[in-house]
Amino acid sequence: MDGTTSTQQTRLLTAAELGACIKLFREMRQWSQEQLAAISGLSVRTIQRVEQGLSASLDTRRVFSRKIVGHEVHEAESAEPAALLMRRASLARRPLVLHSDNR
């Protein structure tokens, strides 16, 4: 060991990453955009914009994270744990939560 420590930068998912995750989750559940809108309380237009990779407010991100259940907590935000969680959730047919608003 050289005495240095390694730290990971935390970051929010990009709009494109979030959109891909939401669309993948919705399709895994075989939900229409209308069904996801009804479950989440968001408008169909908001679902469409997010899935297209357009920006989503922090409040919209929180809605997705609270209404789609299944979670893990990690010290740092990274794409690897999110991808692993998505794989496990899809194999187990469990609901999934993707958010990064924990402090």
PDB file of N, CA and C in Angstrom:
ATOM      1  N   MET A   1       0.836  -1.186   0.000  1.00  0.00           N
ATOM      2  CA  MET A   1       0.000   0.000   0.000  1.00  0.00           C
ATOM      3  C   MET A   1       0.876   1.242   0.000  1.00  0.00           C
ATOM      4  N   ASP A   2       0.445   2.228  -0.723  1.00  0.00           N
ATOM      5  CA  ASP A   2       1.222   3.458  -0.789  1.00  0.00           C
ATOM      6  C   ASP A   2       0.657   4.558   0.098  1.00  0.00           C
ATOM      7  N   GLY A   3      -0.374   4.222   0.879  1.00  0.00           N
ATOM      8  CA  GLY A   3      -0.915   5.194   1.812  1.00  0.00           C
ATOM      9  C   GLY A   3      -1.998   6.086   1.227  1.00  0.00           C
ATOM     10  N   THR A   4      -2.259   6.000  -0.074  1.00  0.00           N
ATOM     11  CA  THR A   4      -3.312   6.818  -0.665  1.00  0.00           C
ATOM     12  C   THR A   4      -4.633   6.061  -0.612  1.00  0.00           C
ATOM     13  N   THR A   5      -5.687   6.816  -0.547  1.00  0.00           N
ATOM     14  CA  THR A   5      -7.009   6.199  -0.522  1.00  0.00           C
ATOM     15  C   THR A   5      -7.720   6.492  -1.829  1.00  0.00           C
ATOM     16  N   SER A   6      -8.561   5.580  -2.223  1.00  0.00           N
ATOM     17  CA  SER A   6      -9.331   5.734  -3.446  1.00  0.00           C
ATOM     18  C   SER A   6     -10.753   6.146  -3.078  1.00  0.00           C
ATOM     19  N   THR A   7     -11.258   7.181  -3.719  1.00  0.00           N
ATOM     20  CA  THR A   7     -12.627   7.607  -3.480  1.00  0.00           C
ATOM     21  C   THR A   7     -13.365   7.636  -4.806  1.00  0.00           C
ATOM     22  N   GLN A   8     -14.638   7.297  -4.757  1.00  0.00           N
ATOM     23  CA  GLN A   8     -15.482   7.346  -5.939  1.00  0.00           C
ATOM     24  C   GLN A   8     -16.298   8.617  -5.910  1.00  0.00           C
ATOM     25  N   GLN A   9     -16.435   9.244  -7.046  1.00  0.00           N
ATOM     26  CA  GLN A   9     -17.292  10.405  -7.170  1.00  0.00           C
ATOM     27  C   GLN A   9     -18.741   9.932  -7.263  1.00  0.00           C
ATOM     28  N   THR A  10     -19.621  10.584  -6.543  1.00  0.00           N
ATOM     29  CA  THR A  10     -21.039  10.266  -6.678  1.00  0.00           C
ATOM     30  C   THR A  10     -21.620  11.148  -7.769  1.00  0.00           C
ATOM     31  N   ARG A  11     -22.620  10.640  -8.438  1.00  0.00           N
ATOM     32  CA  ARG A  11     -23.260  11.421  -9.484  1.00  0.00           C
ATOM     33  C   ARG A  11     -24.678  10.926  -9.697  1.00  0.00           C
ATOM     34  N   LEU A  12     -25.516  11.801 -10.198  1.00  0.00           N
ATOM     35  CA  LEU A  12     -26.857  11.413 -10.618  1.00  0.00           C
ATOM     36  C   LEU A  12     -26.752  10.718 -11.964  1.00  0.00           C
ATOM     37  N   LEU A  13     -27.696   9.853 -12.253  1.00  0.00           N
ATOM     38  CA  LEU A  13     -27.762   9.286 -13.592  1.00  0.00           C
ATOM     39  C   LEU A  13     -27.997  10.422 -14.576  1.00  0.00           C
ATOM     40  N   THR A  14     -27.415  10.315 -15.762  1.00  0.00           N
ATOM     41  CA  THR A  14     -27.712  11.307 -16.790  1.00  0.00           C
ATOM     42  C   THR A  14     -29.162  11.135 -17.210  1.00  0.00           C
ATOM     43  N   ALA A  15     -29.690  12.121 -17.907  1.00  0.00           N
ATOM     44  CA  ALA A  15     -31.074  12.035 -18.385  1.00  0.00           C
ATOM     45  C   ALA A  15     -31.250  10.823 -19.297  1.00  0.00           C
ATOM     46  N   ALA A  16     -30.268  10.552 -20.138  1.00  0.00           N
ATOM     47  CA  ALA A  16     -30.349   9.396 -21.042  1.00  0.00           C
ATOM     48  C   ALA A  16     -30.307   8.084 -20.260  1.00  0.00           C
ATOM     49  N   GLU A  17     -29.443   7.998 -19.242  1.00  0.00           N
ATOM     50  CA  GLU A  17     -29.364   6.785 -18.421  1.00  0.00           C
ATOM     51  C   GLU A  17     -30.669   6.556 -17.659  1.00  0.00           C
ATOM     52  N   LEU A  18     -31.206   7.613 -17.079  1.00  0.00           N
ATOM     53  CA  LEU A  18     -32.463   7.498 -16.352  1.00  0.00           C
ATOM     54  C   LEU A  18     -33.581   7.053 -17.287  1.00  0.00           C
ATOM     55  N   GLY A  19     -33.650   7.667 -18.451  1.00  0.00           N
ATOM     56  CA  GLY A  19     -34.684   7.308 -19.415  1.00  0.00           C
ATOM     57  C   GLY A  19     -34.603   5.848 -19.824  1.00  0.00           C
ATOM     58  N   ALA A  20     -33.380   5.375 -20.076  1.00  0.00           N
ATOM     59  CA  ALA A  20     -33.198   3.974 -20.459  1.00  0.00           C
ATOM     60  C   ALA A  20     -33.600   3.042 -19.321  1.00  0.00           C
ATOM     61  N   CYS A  21     -33.255   3.395 -18.095  1.00  0.00           N
ATOM     62  CA  CYS A  21     -33.613   2.561 -16.936  1.00  0.00           C
ATOM     63  C   CYS A  21     -35.121   2.503 -16.742  1.00  0.00           C
ATOM     64  N   ILE A  22     -35.780   3.643 -16.831  1.00  0.00           N
ATOM     65  CA  ILE A  22     -37.227   3.683 -16.633  1.00  0.00           C
ATOM     66  C   ILE A  22     -37.929   2.892 -17.733  1.00  0.00           C
ATOM     67  N   LYS A  23     -37.495   3.091 -18.976  1.00  0.00           N
ATOM     68  CA  LYS A  23     -38.123   2.370 -20.086  1.00  0.00           C
ATOM     69  C   LYS A  23     -37.904   0.864 -19.944  1.00  0.00           C
ATOM     70  N   LEU A  24     -36.682   0.462 -19.597  1.00  0.00           N
ATOM     71  CA  LEU A  24     -36.379  -0.960 -19.413  1.00  0.00           C
ATOM     72  C   LEU A  24     -37.242  -1.549 -18.304  1.00  0.00           C
ATOM     73  N   PHE A  25     -37.317  -0.855 -17.189  1.00  0.00           N
ATOM     74  CA  PHE A  25     -38.137  -1.333 -16.076  1.00  0.00           C
ATOM     75  C   PHE A  25     -39.596  -1.475 -16.499  1.00  0.00           C
ATOM     76  N   ARG A  26     -40.110  -0.459 -17.174  1.00  0.00           N
ATOM     77  CA  ARG A  26     -41.515  -0.483 -17.592  1.00  0.00           C
ATOM     78  C   ARG A  26     -41.766  -1.651 -18.544  1.00  0.00           C
ATOM     79  N   GLU A  27     -40.863  -1.850 -19.489  1.00  0.00           N
ATOM     80  CA  GLU A  27     -41.037  -2.940 -20.445  1.00  0.00           C
ATOM     81  C   GLU A  27     -40.885  -4.309 -19.789  1.00  0.00           C
ATOM     82  N   MET A  28     -39.989  -4.420 -18.789  1.00  0.00           N
ATOM     83  CA  MET A  28     -39.848  -5.685 -18.062  1.00  0.00           C
ATOM     84  C   MET A  28     -41.157  -6.043 -17.367  1.00  0.00           C
ATOM     85  N   ARG A  29     -41.857  -5.047 -16.887  1.00  0.00           N
ATOM     86  CA  ARG A  29     -43.126  -5.267 -16.197  1.00  0.00           C
ATOM     87  C   ARG A  29     -44.301  -5.370 -17.172  1.00  0.00           C
ATOM     88  N   GLN A  30     -44.010  -5.133 -18.450  1.00  0.00           N
ATOM     89  CA  GLN A  30     -45.041  -5.139 -19.487  1.00  0.00           C
ATOM     90  C   GLN A  30     -46.129  -4.115 -19.181  1.00  0.00           C
ATOM     91  N   TRP A  31     -45.688  -2.949 -18.713  1.00  0.00           N
ATOM     92  CA  TRP A  31     -46.588  -1.845 -18.431  1.00  0.00           C
ATOM     93  C   TRP A  31     -46.576  -0.884 -19.608  1.00  0.00           C
ATOM     94  N   SER A  32     -47.712  -0.297 -19.895  1.00  0.00           N
ATOM     95  CA  SER A  32     -47.764   0.795 -20.861  1.00  0.00           C
ATOM     96  C   SER A  32     -47.306   2.073 -20.147  1.00  0.00           C
ATOM     97  N   GLN A  33     -47.037   3.095 -20.940  1.00  0.00           N
ATOM     98  CA  GLN A  33     -46.705   4.385 -20.329  1.00  0.00           C
ATOM     99  C   GLN A  33     -47.891   4.895 -19.522  1.00  0.00           C
ATOM    100  N   GLU A  34     -49.082   4.604 -19.963  1.00  0.00           N
ATOM    101  CA  GLU A  34     -50.280   5.026 -19.237  1.00  0.00           C
ATOM    102  C   GLU A  34     -50.369   4.338 -17.872  1.00  0.00           C
ATOM    103  N   GLN A  35     -50.025   3.046 -17.841  1.00  0.00           N
ATOM    104  CA  GLN A  35     -50.048   2.320 -16.562  1.00  0.00           C
ATOM    105  C   GLN A  35     -49.000   2.874 -15.609  1.00  0.00           C
ATOM    106  N   LEU A  36     -47.789   3.130 -16.110  1.00  0.00           N
ATOM    107  CA  LEU A  36     -46.749   3.696 -15.249  1.00  0.00           C
ATOM    108  C   LEU A  36     -47.165   5.080 -14.756  1.00  0.00           C
ATOM    109  N   ALA A  37     -47.812   5.844 -15.611  1.00  0.00           N
ATOM    110  CA  ALA A  37     -48.293   7.171 -15.190  1.00  0.00           C
ATOM    111  C   ALA A  37     -49.305   7.038 -14.061  1.00  0.00           C
ATOM    112  N   ALA A  38     -50.203   6.086 -14.175  1.00  0.00           N
ATOM    113  CA  ALA A  38     -51.216   5.884 -13.128  1.00  0.00           C
ATOM    114  C   ALA A  38     -50.572   5.443 -11.819  1.00  0.00           C
ATOM    115  N   ILE A  39     -49.582   4.567 -11.898  1.00  0.00           N
ATOM    116  CA  ILE A  39     -48.897   4.071 -10.699  1.00  0.00           C
ATOM    117  C   ILE A  39     -48.088   5.175 -10.033  1.00  0.00           C
ATOM    118  N   SER A  40     -47.395   5.964 -10.854  1.00  0.00           N
ATOM    119  CA  SER A  40     -46.481   6.973 -10.313  1.00  0.00           C
ATOM    120  C   SER A  40     -47.148   8.291  -9.973  1.00  0.00           C
ATOM    121  N   GLY A  41     -48.306   8.548 -10.584  1.00  0.00           N
ATOM    122  CA  GLY A  41     -48.952   9.844 -10.383  1.00  0.00           C
ATOM    123  C   GLY A  41     -48.403  10.927 -11.290  1.00  0.00           C
ATOM    124  N   LEU A  42     -47.497  10.556 -12.195  1.00  0.00           N
ATOM    125  CA  LEU A  42     -46.951  11.506 -13.163  1.00  0.00           C
ATOM    126  C   LEU A  42     -47.811  11.479 -14.417  1.00  0.00           C
ATOM    127  N   SER A  43     -47.675  12.496 -15.246  1.00  0.00           N
ATOM    128  CA  SER A  43     -48.433  12.509 -16.502  1.00  0.00           C
ATOM    129  C   SER A  43     -47.763  11.586 -17.520  1.00  0.00           C
ATOM    130  N   VAL A  44     -48.555  11.126 -18.476  1.00  0.00           N
ATOM    131  CA  VAL A  44     -48.010  10.304 -19.558  1.00  0.00           C
ATOM    132  C   VAL A  44     -46.944  11.096 -20.300  1.00  0.00           C
ATOM    133  N   ARG A  45     -47.173  12.373 -20.505  1.00  0.00           N
ATOM    134  CA  ARG A  45     -46.196  13.221 -21.206  1.00  0.00           C
ATOM    135  C   ARG A  45     -44.872  13.261 -20.454  1.00  0.00           C
ATOM    136  N   THR A  46     -44.902  13.319 -19.125  1.00  0.00           N
ATOM    137  CA  THR A  46     -43.661  13.297 -18.337  1.00  0.00           C
ATOM    138  C   THR A  46     -42.939  11.974 -18.527  1.00  0.00           C
ATOM    139  N   ILE A  47     -43.674  10.868 -18.499  1.00  0.00           N
ATOM    140  CA  ILE A  47     -43.075   9.553 -18.726  1.00  0.00           C
ATOM    141  C   ILE A  47     -42.414   9.525 -20.105  1.00  0.00           C
ATOM    142  N   GLN A  48     -43.107  10.028 -21.109  1.00  0.00           N
ATOM    143  CA  GLN A  48     -42.563  10.052 -22.467  1.00  0.00           C
ATOM    144  C   GLN A  48     -41.282  10.874 -22.538  1.00  0.00           C
ATOM    145  N   ARG A  49     -41.289  12.042 -21.933  1.00  0.00           N
ATOM    146  CA  ARG A  49     -40.097  12.909 -21.966  1.00  0.00           C
ATOM    147  C   ARG A  49     -38.908  12.248 -21.278  1.00  0.00           C
ATOM    148  N   VAL A  50     -39.156  11.646 -20.119  1.00  0.00           N
ATOM    149  CA  VAL A  50     -38.070  10.988 -19.384  1.00  0.00           C
ATOM    150  C   VAL A  50     -37.511   9.834 -20.210  1.00  0.00           C
ATOM    151  N   GLU A  51     -38.377   9.013 -20.777  1.00  0.00           N
ATOM    152  CA  GLU A  51     -37.917   7.874 -21.573  1.00  0.00           C
ATOM    153  C   GLU A  51     -37.173   8.313 -22.826  1.00  0.00           C
ATOM    154  N   GLN A  52     -37.437   9.497 -23.319  1.00  0.00           N
ATOM    155  CA  GLN A  52     -36.730  10.025 -24.484  1.00  0.00           C
ATOM    156  C   GLN A  52     -35.368  10.600 -24.098  1.00  0.00           C
ATOM    157  N   GLY A  53     -35.060  10.594 -22.802  1.00  0.00           N
ATOM    158  CA  GLY A  53     -33.768  11.104 -22.359  1.00  0.00           C
ATOM    159  C   GLY A  53     -33.747  12.589 -22.092  1.00  0.00           C
ATOM    160  N   LEU A  54     -34.918  13.196 -22.021  1.00  0.00           N
ATOM    161  CA  LEU A  54     -34.977  14.617 -21.681  1.00  0.00           C
ATOM    162  C   LEU A  54     -34.851  14.766 -20.170  1.00  0.00           C
ATOM    163  N   SER A  55     -34.502  15.940 -19.727  1.00  0.00           N
ATOM    164  CA  SER A  55     -34.219  16.131 -18.304  1.00  0.00           C
ATOM    165  C   SER A  55     -35.451  15.894 -17.437  1.00  0.00           C
ATOM    166  N   ALA A  56     -35.191  15.412 -16.228  1.00  0.00           N
ATOM    167  CA  ALA A  56     -36.242  15.171 -15.243  1.00  0.00           C
ATOM    168  C   ALA A  56     -35.870  15.898 -13.967  1.00  0.00           C
ATOM    169  N   SER A  57     -36.837  16.551 -13.377  1.00  0.00           N
ATOM    170  CA  SER A  57     -36.568  17.265 -12.127  1.00  0.00           C
ATOM    171  C   SER A  57     -36.239  16.266 -11.019  1.00  0.00           C
ATOM    172  N   LEU A  58     -35.640  16.760  -9.966  1.00  0.00           N
ATOM    173  CA  LEU A  58     -35.344  15.915  -8.818  1.00  0.00           C
ATOM    174  C   LEU A  58     -36.638  15.344  -8.226  1.00  0.00           C
ATOM    175  N   ASP A  59     -37.691  16.141  -8.238  1.00  0.00           N
ATOM    176  CA  ASP A  59     -38.985  15.646  -7.741  1.00  0.00           C
ATOM    177  C   ASP A  59     -39.491  14.477  -8.581  1.00  0.00           C
ATOM    178  N   THR A  60     -39.342  14.573  -9.899  1.00  0.00           N
ATOM    179  CA  THR A  60     -39.759  13.472 -10.777  1.00  0.00           C
ATOM    180  C   THR A  60     -38.921  12.234 -10.502  1.00  0.00           C
ATOM    181  N   ARG A  61     -37.608  12.408 -10.326  1.00  0.00           N
ATOM    182  CA  ARG A  61     -36.737  11.277 -10.000  1.00  0.00           C
ATOM    183  C   ARG A  61     -37.168  10.635  -8.674  1.00  0.00           C
ATOM    184  N   ARG A  62     -37.526  11.446  -7.720  1.00  0.00           N
ATOM    185  CA  ARG A  62     -37.981  10.915  -6.427  1.00  0.00           C
ATOM    186  C   ARG A  62     -39.276  10.119  -6.570  1.00  0.00           C
ATOM    187  N   VAL A  63     -40.173  10.597  -7.416  1.00  0.00           N
ATOM    188  CA  VAL A  63     -41.420   9.870  -7.637  1.00  0.00           C
ATOM    189  C   VAL A  63     -41.116   8.476  -8.170  1.00  0.00           C
ATOM    190  N   PHE A  64     -40.241   8.395  -9.170  1.00  0.00           N
ATOM    191  CA  PHE A  64     -39.879   7.086  -9.697  1.00  0.00           C
ATOM    192  C   PHE A  64     -39.286   6.208  -8.609  1.00  0.00           C
ATOM    193  N   SER A  65     -38.428   6.777  -7.800  1.00  0.00           N
ATOM    194  CA  SER A  65     -37.757   5.971  -6.777  1.00  0.00           C
ATOM    195  C   SER A  65     -38.698   5.521  -5.671  1.00  0.00           C
ATOM    196  N   ARG A  66     -39.719   6.294  -5.392  1.00  0.00           N
ATOM    197  CA  ARG A  66     -40.634   5.942  -4.305  1.00  0.00           C
ATOM    198  C   ARG A  66     -41.768   5.025  -4.746  1.00  0.00           C
ATOM    199  N   LYS A  67     -42.162   5.123  -5.997  1.00  0.00           N
ATOM    200  CA  LYS A  67     -43.325   4.387  -6.468  1.00  0.00           C
ATOM    201  C   LYS A  67     -42.976   3.027  -7.068  1.00  0.00           C
ATOM    202  N   ILE A  68     -41.729   2.820  -7.409  1.00  0.00           N
ATOM    203  CA  ILE A  68     -41.286   1.552  -7.990  1.00  0.00           C
ATOM    204  C   ILE A  68     -40.408   0.902  -6.933  1.00  0.00           C
ATOM    205  N   VAL A  69     -40.899  -0.143  -6.280  1.00  0.00           N
ATOM    206  CA  VAL A  69     -40.299  -0.637  -5.040  1.00  0.00           C
ATOM    207  C   VAL A  69     -39.261  -1.722  -5.269  1.00  0.00           C
ATOM    208  N   GLY A  70     -38.197  -1.691  -4.477  1.00  0.00           N
ATOM    209  CA  GLY A  70     -37.064  -2.605  -4.510  1.00  0.00           C
ATOM    210  C   GLY A  70     -35.842  -1.718  -4.349  1.00  0.00           C
ATOM    211  N   HIS A  71     -34.994  -1.950  -3.383  1.00  0.00           N
ATOM    212  CA  HIS A  71     -33.925  -0.989  -3.149  1.00  0.00           C
ATOM    213  C   HIS A  71     -32.673  -1.636  -2.580  1.00  0.00           C
ATOM    214  N   GLU A  72     -31.587  -0.928  -2.721  1.00  0.00           N
ATOM    215  CA  GLU A  72     -30.317  -1.220  -2.076  1.00  0.00           C
ATOM    216  C   GLU A  72     -29.681   0.118  -1.761  1.00  0.00           C
ATOM    217  N   VAL A  73     -28.876   0.151  -0.742  1.00  0.00           N
ATOM    218  CA  VAL A  73     -28.190   1.380  -0.370  1.00  0.00           C
ATOM    219  C   VAL A  73     -26.694   1.152  -0.523  1.00  0.00           C
ATOM    220  N   HIS A  74     -26.016   2.073  -1.193  1.00  0.00           N
ATOM    221  CA  HIS A  74     -24.573   1.987  -1.404  1.00  0.00           C
ATOM    222  C   HIS A  74     -23.930   3.278  -0.916  1.00  0.00           C
ATOM    223  N   GLU A  75     -22.693   3.173  -0.502  1.00  0.00           N
ATOM    224  CA  GLU A  75     -21.957   4.348  -0.033  1.00  0.00           C
ATOM    225  C   GLU A  75     -21.824   5.397  -1.130  1.00  0.00           C
ATOM    226  N   ALA A  76     -21.547   4.955  -2.354  1.00  0.00           N
ATOM    227  CA  ALA A  76     -21.348   5.876  -3.468  1.00  0.00           C
ATOM    228  C   ALA A  76     -22.242   5.451  -4.626  1.00  0.00           C
ATOM    229  N   GLU A  77     -22.692   6.428  -5.376  1.00  0.00           N
ATOM    230  CA  GLU A  77     -23.516   6.118  -6.538  1.00  0.00           C
ATOM    231  C   GLU A  77     -22.628   5.738  -7.703  1.00  0.00           C
ATOM    232  N   SER A  78     -22.991   4.659  -8.359  1.00  0.00           N
ATOM    233  CA  SER A  78     -22.199   4.166  -9.473  1.00  0.00           C
ATOM    234  C   SER A  78     -23.111   3.361 -10.384  1.00  0.00           C
ATOM    235  N   ALA A  79     -22.767   3.283 -11.649  1.00  0.00           N
ATOM    236  CA  ALA A  79     -23.582   2.526 -12.602  1.00  0.00           C
ATOM    237  C   ALA A  79     -23.523   1.024 -12.331  1.00  0.00           C
ATOM    238  N   GLU A  80     -22.411   0.531 -11.797  1.00  0.00           N
ATOM    239  CA  GLU A  80     -22.268  -0.912 -11.596  1.00  0.00           C
ATOM    240  C   GLU A  80     -23.296  -1.487 -10.613  1.00  0.00           C
ATOM    241  N   PRO A  81     -23.441  -0.915  -9.416  1.00  0.00           N
ATOM    242  CA  PRO A  81     -24.473  -1.456  -8.514  1.00  0.00           C
ATOM    243  C   PRO A  81     -25.882  -1.325  -9.093  1.00  0.00           C
ATOM    244  N   ALA A  82     -26.144  -0.241  -9.817  1.00  0.00           N
ATOM    245  CA  ALA A  82     -27.466  -0.056 -10.423  1.00  0.00           C
ATOM    246  C   ALA A  82     -27.731  -1.135 -11.470  1.00  0.00           C
ATOM    247  N   ALA A  83     -26.725  -1.432 -12.290  1.00  0.00           N
ATOM    248  CA  ALA A  83     -26.886  -2.469 -13.310  1.00  0.00           C
ATOM    249  C   ALA A  83     -27.101  -3.838 -12.662  1.00  0.00           C
ATOM    250  N   LEU A  84     -26.340  -4.122 -11.616  1.00  0.00           N
ATOM    251  CA  LEU A  84     -26.487  -5.397 -10.918  1.00  0.00           C
ATOM    252  C   LEU A  84     -27.873  -5.511 -10.278  1.00  0.00           C
ATOM    253  N   LEU A  85     -28.339  -4.441  -9.658  1.00  0.00           N
ATOM    254  CA  LEU A  85     -29.670  -4.433  -9.059  1.00  0.00           C
ATOM    255  C   LEU A  85     -30.740  -4.673 -10.120  1.00  0.00           C
ATOM    256  N   MET A  86     -30.589  -4.026 -11.272  1.00  0.00           N
ATOM    257  CA  MET A  86     -31.566  -4.214 -12.338  1.00  0.00           C
ATOM    258  C   MET A  86     -31.580  -5.669 -12.814  1.00  0.00           C
ATOM    259  N   ARG A  87     -30.401  -6.268 -12.958  1.00  0.00           N
ATOM    260  CA  ARG A  87     -30.335  -7.668 -13.385  1.00  0.00           C
ATOM    261  C   ARG A  87     -31.005  -8.582 -12.368  1.00  0.00           C
ATOM    262  N   ARG A  88     -30.664  -8.387 -11.094  1.00  0.00           N
ATOM    263  CA  ARG A  88     -31.245  -9.236 -10.050  1.00  0.00           C
ATOM    264  C   ARG A  88     -32.750  -9.035  -9.943  1.00  0.00           C
ATOM    265  N   ALA A  89     -33.205  -7.795 -10.025  1.00  0.00           N
ATOM    266  CA  ALA A  89     -34.638  -7.514  -9.923  1.00  0.00           C
ATOM    267  C   ALA A  89     -35.391  -8.133 -11.087  1.00  0.00           C
ATOM    268  N   SER A  90     -34.817  -8.067 -12.273  1.00  0.00           N
ATOM    269  CA  SER A  90     -35.521  -8.636 -13.425  1.00  0.00           C
ATOM    270  C   SER A  90     -35.552 -10.152 -13.339  1.00  0.00           C
ATOM    271  N   LEU A  91     -34.475 -10.780 -12.858  1.00  0.00           N
ATOM    272  CA  LEU A  91     -34.458 -12.231 -12.722  1.00  0.00           C
ATOM    273  C   LEU A  91     -35.409 -12.702 -11.627  1.00  0.00           C
ATOM    274  N   ALA A  92     -35.481 -11.935 -10.541  1.00  0.00           N
ATOM    275  CA  ALA A  92     -36.342 -12.299  -9.415  1.00  0.00           C
ATOM    276  C   ALA A  92     -37.771 -11.801  -9.607  1.00  0.00           C
ATOM    277  N   ARG A  93     -37.978 -11.018 -10.661  1.00  0.00           N
ATOM    278  CA  ARG A  93     -39.301 -10.419 -10.922  1.00  0.00           C
ATOM    279  C   ARG A  93     -39.766  -9.569  -9.744  1.00  0.00           C
ATOM    280  N   ARG A  94     -38.786  -8.868  -9.126  1.00  0.00           N
ATOM    281  CA  ARG A  94     -39.105  -7.959  -8.025  1.00  0.00           C
ATOM    282  C   ARG A  94     -39.241  -6.546  -8.550  1.00  0.00           C
ATOM    283  N   PRO A  95     -39.999  -5.716  -7.880  1.00  0.00           N
ATOM    284  CA  PRO A  95     -40.021  -4.290  -8.234  1.00  0.00           C
ATOM    285  C   PRO A  95     -38.654  -3.663  -7.981  1.00  0.00           C
ATOM    286  N   LEU A  96     -38.407  -2.518  -8.581  1.00  0.00           N
ATOM    287  CA  LEU A  96     -37.090  -1.892  -8.570  1.00  0.00           C
ATOM    288  C   LEU A  96     -37.189  -0.411  -8.276  1.00  0.00           C
ATOM    289  N   VAL A  97     -36.236   0.119  -7.510  1.00  0.00           N
ATOM    290  CA  VAL A  97     -36.151   1.549  -7.237  1.00  0.00           C
ATOM    291  C   VAL A  97     -34.791   2.047  -7.690  1.00  0.00           C
ATOM    292  N   LEU A  98     -34.782   3.140  -8.439  1.00  0.00           N
ATOM    293  CA  LEU A  98     -33.531   3.777  -8.837  1.00  0.00           C
ATOM    294  C   LEU A  98     -33.590   5.219  -8.379  1.00  0.00           C
ATOM    295  N   HIS A  99     -32.765   5.580  -7.406  1.00  0.00           N
ATOM    296  CA  HIS A  99     -32.706   6.975  -6.984  1.00  0.00           C
ATOM    297  C   HIS A  99     -31.376   7.256  -6.326  1.00  0.00           C
ATOM    298  N   SER A 100     -31.090   8.523  -6.228  1.00  0.00           N
ATOM    299  CA  SER A 100     -29.816   8.909  -5.633  1.00  0.00           C
ATOM    300  C   SER A 100     -29.995  10.110  -4.730  1.00  0.00           C
ATOM    301  N   ASP A 101     -31.112  10.186  -4.057  1.00  0.00           N
ATOM    302  CA  ASP A 101     -31.365  11.361  -3.234  1.00  0.00           C
ATOM    303  C   ASP A 101     -31.155  11.092  -1.745  1.00  0.00           C
ATOM    304  N   ASN A 102     -30.532   9.979  -1.422  1.00  0.00           N
ATOM    305  CA  ASN A 102     -30.234   9.721   0.005  1.00  0.00           C
ATOM    306  C   ASN A 102     -29.067  10.583   0.441  1.00  0.00           C
ATOM    307  N   ARG A 103     -29.110  11.035   1.628  1.00  0.00           N
ATOM    308  CA  ARG A 103     -28.003  11.844   2.166  1.00  0.00           C
ATOM    309  C   ARG A 103     -27.439  11.139   3.362  1.00  0.00           C
TER     310      ARG A 103
END
